[in-house]
PDB file of N, CA and C in Angstrom:
ATOM      1  N   MET A   1      93.958 109.458  91.437  1.00  0.00           N
ATOM      2  CA  MET A   1      93.069 110.807  91.557  1.00  0.00           C
ATOM      3  C   MET A   1      93.511 111.173  92.716  1.00  0.00           C
ATOM      4  N   ASP A   2      93.488 112.614  93.225  1.00  0.00           N
ATOM      5  CA  ASP A   2      94.158 112.918  94.157  1.00  0.00           C
ATOM      6  C   ASP A   2      92.991 113.954  94.635  1.00  0.00           C
ATOM      7  N   PHE A   3      92.362 113.790  95.906  1.00  0.00           N
ATOM      8  CA  PHE A   3      91.473 114.671  96.773  1.00  0.00           C
ATOM      9  C   PHE A   3      92.095 115.129  98.002  1.00  0.00           C
ATOM     10  N   ALA A   4      93.315 114.981  97.980  1.00  0.00           N
ATOM     11  CA  ALA A   4      94.228 115.626  99.251  1.00  0.00           C
ATOM     12  C   ALA A   4      93.719 116.959  99.850  1.00  0.00           C
ATOM     13  N   GLY A   5      93.148 117.282 100.792  1.00  0.00           N
ATOM     14  CA  GLY A   5      92.943 118.338 101.130  1.00  0.00           C
ATOM     15  C   GLY A   5      91.470 119.039 100.557  1.00  0.00           C
ATOM     16  N   ALA A   6      91.183 118.196  99.971  1.00  0.00           N
ATOM     17  CA  ALA A   6      89.818 118.976  99.142  1.00  0.00           C
ATOM     18  C   ALA A   6      88.618 118.862 100.058  1.00  0.00           C
ATOM     19  N   THR A   7      87.833 119.813  99.673  1.00  0.00           N
ATOM     20  CA  THR A   7      86.281 119.715 100.523  1.00  0.00           C
ATOM     21  C   THR A   7      85.488 119.317  99.469  1.00  0.00           C
ATOM     22  N   LEU A   8      84.660 117.962  99.667  1.00  0.00           N
ATOM     23  CA  LEU A   8      83.757 117.653  98.708  1.00  0.00           C
ATOM     24  C   LEU A   8      82.473 117.540  99.359  1.00  0.00           C
ATOM     25  N   THR A   9      81.583 118.092  98.844  1.00  0.00           N
ATOM     26  CA  THR A   9      80.172 118.273  99.113  1.00  0.00           C
ATOM     27  C   THR A   9      78.955 117.703  98.089  1.00  0.00           C
ATOM     28  N   GLY A  10      78.044 117.106  98.353  1.00  0.00           N
ATOM     29  CA  GLY A  10      77.162 116.674  97.380  1.00  0.00           C
ATOM     30  C   GLY A  10      77.561 115.915  96.346  1.00  0.00           C
ATOM     31  N   VAL A  11      78.701 115.148  96.374  1.00  0.00           N
ATOM     32  CA  VAL A  11      79.263 114.516  95.279  1.00  0.00           C
ATOM     33  C   VAL A  11      79.117 113.212  95.349  1.00  0.00           C
ATOM     34  N   ALA A  12      78.879 112.534  93.935  1.00  0.00           N
ATOM     35  CA  ALA A  12      78.687 111.065  93.485  1.00  0.00           C
ATOM     36  C   ALA A  12      79.558 110.462  92.406  1.00  0.00           C
ATOM     37  N   PHE A  13      79.856 109.291  92.461  1.00  0.00           N
ATOM     38  CA  PHE A  13      80.847 108.854  91.232  1.00  0.00           C
ATOM     39  C   PHE A  13      80.349 107.799  90.578  1.00  0.00           C
ATOM     40  N   PRO A  14      78.982 107.801  90.036  1.00  0.00           N
ATOM     41  CA  PRO A  14      78.339 106.632  89.519  1.00  0.00           C
ATOM     42  C   PRO A  14      79.149 106.247  88.340  1.00  0.00           C
ATOM     43  N   GLY A  15      79.576 104.865  88.322  1.00  0.00           N
ATOM     44  CA  GLY A  15      80.187 104.140  87.340  1.00  0.00           C
ATOM     45  C   GLY A  15      81.683 104.494  87.013  1.00  0.00           C
ATOM     46  N   SER A  16      82.134 105.035  87.926  1.00  0.00           N
ATOM     47  CA  SER A  16      83.553 105.434  87.848  1.00  0.00           C
ATOM     48  C   SER A  16      84.517 104.347  88.533  1.00  0.00           C
ATOM     49  N   THR A  17      85.553 104.457  87.967  1.00  0.00           N
ATOM     50  CA  THR A  17      86.763 103.343  88.587  1.00  0.00           C
ATOM     51  C   THR A  17      87.458 104.412  89.360  1.00  0.00           C
ATOM     52  N   LEU A  18      87.570 104.177  90.904  1.00  0.00           N
ATOM     53  CA  LEU A  18      88.329 105.065  91.504  1.00  0.00           C
ATOM     54  C   LEU A  18      89.731 104.248  91.798  1.00  0.00           C
ATOM     55  N   GLU A  19      90.782 104.597  91.396  1.00  0.00           N
ATOM     56  CA  GLU A  19      92.070 103.474  91.571  1.00  0.00           C
ATOM     57  C   GLU A  19      92.894 104.591  92.365  1.00  0.00           C
ATOM     58  N   ARG A  20      93.644 104.184  93.305  1.00  0.00           N
ATOM     59  CA  ARG A  20      95.025 104.621  93.901  1.00  0.00           C
ATOM     60  C   ARG A  20      94.320 106.241  94.156  1.00  0.00           C
ATOM     61  N   VAL A  21      93.252 106.601  94.755  1.00  0.00           N
ATOM     62  CA  VAL A  21      92.646 107.699  95.141  1.00  0.00           C
ATOM     63  C   VAL A  21      93.307 108.144  96.617  1.00  0.00           C
ATOM     64  N   ARG A  22      93.740 109.518  96.605  1.00  0.00           N
ATOM     65  CA  ARG A  22      94.112 109.995  97.991  1.00  0.00           C
ATOM     66  C   ARG A  22      92.863 110.826  98.550  1.00  0.00           C
ATOM     67  N   PHE A  23      92.735 110.566  99.727  1.00  0.00           N
ATOM     68  CA  PHE A  23      91.553 111.417 100.481  1.00  0.00           C
ATOM     69  C   PHE A  23      92.307 112.082 101.631  1.00  0.00           C
ATOM     70  N   ASP A  24      93.637 111.988 101.936  1.00  0.00           N
ATOM     71  CA  ASP A  24      94.059 112.501 102.865  1.00  0.00           C
ATOM     72  C   ASP A  24      93.729 113.843 103.450  1.00  0.00           C
ATOM     73  N   LYS A  25      93.537 114.402 104.696  1.00  0.00           N
ATOM     74  CA  LYS A  25      92.981 115.553 104.720  1.00  0.00           C
ATOM     75  C   LYS A  25      91.900 116.047 104.285  1.00  0.00           C
ATOM     76  N   ALA A  26      91.026 115.282 103.537  1.00  0.00           N
ATOM     77  CA  ALA A  26      89.949 115.701 102.748  1.00  0.00           C
ATOM     78  C   ALA A  26      88.653 115.892 103.819  1.00  0.00           C
ATOM     79  N   ARG A  27      87.711 116.856 103.459  1.00  0.00           N
ATOM     80  CA  ARG A  27      86.595 116.994 104.240  1.00  0.00           C
ATOM     81  C   ARG A  27      85.506 116.476 103.201  1.00  0.00           C
ATOM     82  N   MET A  28      84.569 115.824 103.842  1.00  0.00           N
ATOM     83  CA  MET A  28      83.562 115.169 102.967  1.00  0.00           C
ATOM     84  C   MET A  28      81.881 115.347 103.642  1.00  0.00           C
ATOM     85  N   SER A  29      80.986 115.824 102.966  1.00  0.00           N
ATOM     86  CA  SER A  29      79.822 116.012 103.427  1.00  0.00           C
ATOM     87  C   SER A  29      78.919 115.587 102.146  1.00  0.00           C
ATOM     88  N   ARG A  30      77.849 114.455 102.430  1.00  0.00           N
ATOM     89  CA  ARG A  30      77.043 114.158 101.377  1.00  0.00           C
ATOM     90  C   ARG A  30      77.912 113.597 100.251  1.00  0.00           C
ATOM     91  N   VAL A  31      78.751 112.641 100.420  1.00  0.00           N
ATOM     92  CA  VAL A  31      79.670 112.200  99.327  1.00  0.00           C
ATOM     93  C   VAL A  31      79.104 110.720  99.065  1.00  0.00           C
ATOM     94  N   ASP A  32      78.645 110.247  97.869  1.00  0.00           N
ATOM     95  CA  ASP A  32      78.192 108.892  97.648  1.00  0.00           C
ATOM     96  C   ASP A  32      79.210 108.040  96.707  1.00  0.00           C
ATOM     97  N   LEU A  33      79.698 107.323  97.311  1.00  0.00           N
ATOM     98  CA  LEU A  33      80.856 106.507  96.776  1.00  0.00           C
ATOM     99  C   LEU A  33      80.123 105.073  96.296  1.00  0.00           C
ATOM    100  N   ARG A  34      79.039 104.914  96.527  1.00  0.00           N
ATOM    101  CA  ARG A  34      78.158 103.502  96.426  1.00  0.00           C
ATOM    102  C   ARG A  34      78.125 103.160  94.833  1.00  0.00           C
ATOM    103  N   GLY A  35      78.068 104.080  94.061  1.00  0.00           N
ATOM    104  CA  GLY A  35      78.074 103.913  92.494  1.00  0.00           C
ATOM    105  C   GLY A  35      79.503 103.633  91.953  1.00  0.00           C
ATOM    106  N   ALA A  36      80.491 103.702  92.554  1.00  0.00           N
ATOM    107  CA  ALA A  36      81.845 103.753  91.808  1.00  0.00           C
ATOM    108  C   ALA A  36      81.949 102.136  91.573  1.00  0.00           C
ATOM    109  N   VAL A  37      82.353 101.722  90.558  1.00  0.00           N
ATOM    110  CA  VAL A  37      82.363 100.344  90.040  1.00  0.00           C
ATOM    111  C   VAL A  37      83.736  99.925  90.794  1.00  0.00           C
ATOM    112  N   SER A  38      84.804 100.620  90.983  1.00  0.00           N
ATOM    113  CA  SER A  38      85.824 100.259  91.971  1.00  0.00           C
ATOM    114  C   SER A  38      86.282 101.266  92.791  1.00  0.00           C
ATOM    115  N   LEU A  39      86.830 101.007  93.936  1.00  0.00           N
ATOM    116  CA  LEU A  39      87.041 102.057  94.958  1.00  0.00           C
ATOM    117  C   LEU A  39      88.423 101.679  95.476  1.00  0.00           C
ATOM    118  N   GLY A  40      89.522 102.191  94.825  1.00  0.00           N
ATOM    119  CA  GLY A  40      90.964 101.681  95.504  1.00  0.00           C
ATOM    120  C   GLY A  40      91.442 102.972  96.098  1.00  0.00           C
ATOM    121  N   ILE A  41      91.517 103.043  97.336  1.00  0.00           N
ATOM    122  CA  ILE A  41      92.129 103.929  98.148  1.00  0.00           C
ATOM    123  C   ILE A  41      93.351 103.871  98.639  1.00  0.00           C
ATOM    124  N   SER A  42      94.332 104.886  98.368  1.00  0.00           N
ATOM    125  CA  SER A  42      95.540 104.734  98.714  1.00  0.00           C
ATOM    126  C   SER A  42      96.132 105.284 100.125  1.00  0.00           C
ATOM    127  N   ASP A  43      95.286 106.553 100.267  1.00  0.00           N
ATOM    128  CA  ASP A  43      95.412 106.969 101.745  1.00  0.00           C
ATOM    129  C   ASP A  43      94.399 108.021 101.912  1.00  0.00           C
ATOM    130  N   GLY A  44      94.247 108.054 103.278  1.00  0.00           N
ATOM    131  CA  GLY A  44      92.975 108.977 103.681  1.00  0.00           C
ATOM    132  C   GLY A  44      91.857 108.276 103.973  1.00  0.00           C
ATOM    133  N   TYR A  45      92.079 107.193 104.558  1.00  0.00           N
ATOM    134  CA  TYR A  45      90.859 106.370 104.977  1.00  0.00           C
ATOM    135  C   TYR A  45      90.041 107.007 106.024  1.00  0.00           C
ATOM    136  N   ASP A  46      90.777 107.677 106.959  1.00  0.00           N
ATOM    137  CA  ASP A  46      90.223 108.449 108.010  1.00  0.00           C
ATOM    138  C   ASP A  46      89.506 109.512 107.596  1.00  0.00           C
ATOM    139  N   ALA A  47      89.631 110.084 106.557  1.00  0.00           N
ATOM    140  CA  ALA A  47      88.682 111.182 105.955  1.00  0.00           C
ATOM    141  C   ALA A  47      87.573 110.661 105.185  1.00  0.00           C
ATOM    142  N   LEU A  48      87.380 109.729 105.168  1.00  0.00           N
ATOM    143  CA  LEU A  48      85.712 108.933 104.690  1.00  0.00           C
ATOM    144  C   LEU A  48      84.749 109.646 105.553  1.00  0.00           C
ATOM    145  N   ARG A  49      84.764 109.962 106.596  1.00  0.00           N
ATOM    146  CA  ARG A  49      83.854 110.813 107.505  1.00  0.00           C
ATOM    147  C   ARG A  49      82.993 111.612 106.395  1.00  0.00           C
ATOM    148  N   GLY A  50      81.714 111.209 106.302  1.00  0.00           N
ATOM    149  CA  GLY A  50      80.647 112.206 105.475  1.00  0.00           C
ATOM    150  C   GLY A  50      80.492 111.498 104.349  1.00  0.00           C
ATOM    151  N   ALA A  51      81.036 110.209 104.055  1.00  0.00           N
ATOM    152  CA  ALA A  51      80.993 109.483 102.764  1.00  0.00           C
ATOM    153  C   ALA A  51      79.908 108.331 102.980  1.00  0.00           C
ATOM    154  N   THR A  52      79.364 108.022 102.096  1.00  0.00           N
ATOM    155  CA  THR A  52      78.155 106.875 101.875  1.00  0.00           C
ATOM    156  C   THR A  52      78.879 105.812 101.038  1.00  0.00           C
ATOM    157  N   ILE A  53      79.006 104.418 101.738  1.00  0.00           N
ATOM    158  CA  ILE A  53      79.674 103.575 100.902  1.00  0.00           C
ATOM    159  C   ILE A  53      78.430 102.302 100.862  1.00  0.00           C
ATOM    160  N   SER A  54      78.956 101.301 100.113  1.00  0.00           N
ATOM    161  CA  SER A  54      77.872 100.157 100.057  1.00  0.00           C
ATOM    162  C   SER A  54      78.404  99.080 101.085  1.00  0.00           C
ATOM    163  N   GLY A  55      77.871  98.085 101.344  1.00  0.00           N
ATOM    164  CA  GLY A  55      77.935  96.960 102.206  1.00  0.00           C
ATOM    165  C   GLY A  55      79.193  96.080 101.472  1.00  0.00           C
ATOM    166  N   VAL A  56      79.316  96.085 100.351  1.00  0.00           N
ATOM    167  CA  VAL A  56      80.399  95.266  99.684  1.00  0.00           C
ATOM    168  C   VAL A  56      81.476  96.080  99.670  1.00  0.00           C
ATOM    169  N   GLN A  57      81.610  97.360  99.466  1.00  0.00           N
ATOM    170  CA  GLN A  57      82.552  98.370  99.513  1.00  0.00           C
ATOM    171  C   GLN A  57      83.200  98.375 101.024  1.00  0.00           C
ATOM    172  N   LEU A  58      82.348  98.229 102.019  1.00  0.00           N
ATOM    173  CA  LEU A  58      82.880  98.123 103.541  1.00  0.00           C
ATOM    174  C   LEU A  58      83.632  97.096 103.667  1.00  0.00           C
ATOM    175  N   MET A  59      83.274  95.832 103.067  1.00  0.00           N
ATOM    176  CA  MET A  59      83.699  94.728 103.525  1.00  0.00           C
ATOM    177  C   MET A  59      85.339  94.591 102.737  1.00  0.00           C
ATOM    178  N   GLU A  60      85.381  95.301 101.585  1.00  0.00           N
ATOM    179  CA  GLU A  60      86.630  95.365 100.862  1.00  0.00           C
ATOM    180  C   GLU A  60      87.556  96.372 101.542  1.00  0.00           C
ATOM    181  N   LEU A  61      86.862  97.547 102.219  1.00  0.00           N
ATOM    182  CA  LEU A  61      87.743  98.172 103.135  1.00  0.00           C
ATOM    183  C   LEU A  61      88.197  98.106 104.583  1.00  0.00           C
ATOM    184  N   ALA A  62      87.309  96.819 104.772  1.00  0.00           N
ATOM    185  CA  ALA A  62      87.448  96.557 106.153  1.00  0.00           C
ATOM    186  C   ALA A  62      88.983  96.257 106.945  1.00  0.00           C
ATOM    187  N   PRO A  63      89.674  95.557 106.024  1.00  0.00           N
ATOM    188  CA  PRO A  63      91.271  95.033 106.598  1.00  0.00           C
ATOM    189  C   PRO A  63      91.874  96.389 106.737  1.00  0.00           C
ATOM    190  N   MET A  64      91.835  97.638 106.010  1.00  0.00           N
ATOM    191  CA  MET A  64      92.434  98.609 106.136  1.00  0.00           C
ATOM    192  C   MET A  64      91.827  99.394 107.349  1.00  0.00           C
ATOM    193  N   PHE A  65      90.569  99.643 107.524  1.00  0.00           N
ATOM    194  CA  PHE A  65      89.877 100.020 108.540  1.00  0.00           C
ATOM    195  C   PHE A  65      90.352  99.568 109.986  1.00  0.00           C
ATOM    196  N   ALA A  66      90.561  98.298 109.971  1.00  0.00           N
ATOM    197  CA  ALA A  66      91.006  97.488 111.329  1.00  0.00           C
ATOM    198  C   ALA A  66      92.414  97.782 111.307  1.00  0.00           C
ATOM    199  N   HIS A  67      93.438  97.875 110.282  1.00  0.00           N
ATOM    200  CA  HIS A  67      94.633  98.285 110.374  1.00  0.00           C
ATOM    201  C   HIS A  67      94.882  99.775 111.108  1.00  0.00           C
ATOM    202  N   ILE A  68      94.311 100.625 110.421  1.00  0.00           N
ATOM    203  CA  ILE A  68      94.188 102.064 110.839  1.00  0.00           C
ATOM    204  C   ILE A  68      93.654 102.256 112.367  1.00  0.00           C
ATOM    205  N   LEU A  69      92.682 101.344 113.036  1.00  0.00           N
ATOM    206  CA  LEU A  69      92.352 101.465 114.471  1.00  0.00           C
ATOM    207  C   LEU A  69      93.200 100.636 115.006  1.00  0.00           C
ATOM    208  N   GLY A  70      93.960  99.987 114.653  1.00  0.00           N
ATOM    209  CA  GLY A  70      94.860  99.160 115.378  1.00  0.00           C
ATOM    210  C   GLY A  70      94.408  97.778 115.993  1.00  0.00           C
ATOM    211  N   VAL A  71      93.434  97.555 115.199  1.00  0.00           N
ATOM    212  CA  VAL A  71      92.667  96.051 115.535  1.00  0.00           C
ATOM    213  C   VAL A  71      93.341  94.957 114.891  1.00  0.00           C
ATOM    214  N   THR A  72      93.493  93.774 115.636  1.00  0.00           N
ATOM    215  CA  THR A  72      94.119  92.800 114.829  1.00  0.00           C
ATOM    216  C   THR A  72      92.879  91.610 114.803  1.00  0.00           C
ATOM    217  N   VAL A  73      92.967  91.279 113.448  1.00  0.00           N
ATOM    218  CA  VAL A  73      91.673  90.182 113.029  1.00  0.00           C
ATOM    219  C   VAL A  73      92.394  88.824 113.064  1.00  0.00           C
ATOM    220  N   ASP A  74      91.994  87.924 113.734  1.00  0.00           N
ATOM    221  CA  ASP A  74      92.787  86.585 113.939  1.00  0.00           C
ATOM    222  C   ASP A  74      91.593  85.457 113.730  1.00  0.00           C
ATOM    223  N   ASN A  75      91.461  84.662 112.668  1.00  0.00           N
ATOM    224  CA  ASN A  75      90.319  83.906 112.657  1.00  0.00           C
ATOM    225  C   ASN A  75      90.903  82.305 113.229  1.00  0.00           C
ATOM    226  N   GLY A  76      92.088  82.553 113.729  1.00  0.00           N
ATOM    227  CA  GLY A  76      92.573  81.188 114.302  1.00  0.00           C
ATOM    228  C   GLY A  76      92.154  80.905 115.537  1.00  0.00           C
TER     229      GLY A  76
END
């Protein structure tokens, strides 16, 4: 799915499987991704501002968020 450059307002994705989704340069307001069964983002993580995600989704996306922010996670 390609939302690159899109403006998303008041959108939800209950029961949806979102795989290889592109959000680069998208603008979001009141976008609810919590109901998505699967959330596979290929690019545009920085465009998620304005979206609501679940705690489980946050944990799944955390490695990419860290990478984008230049944070090294080392459990050693």
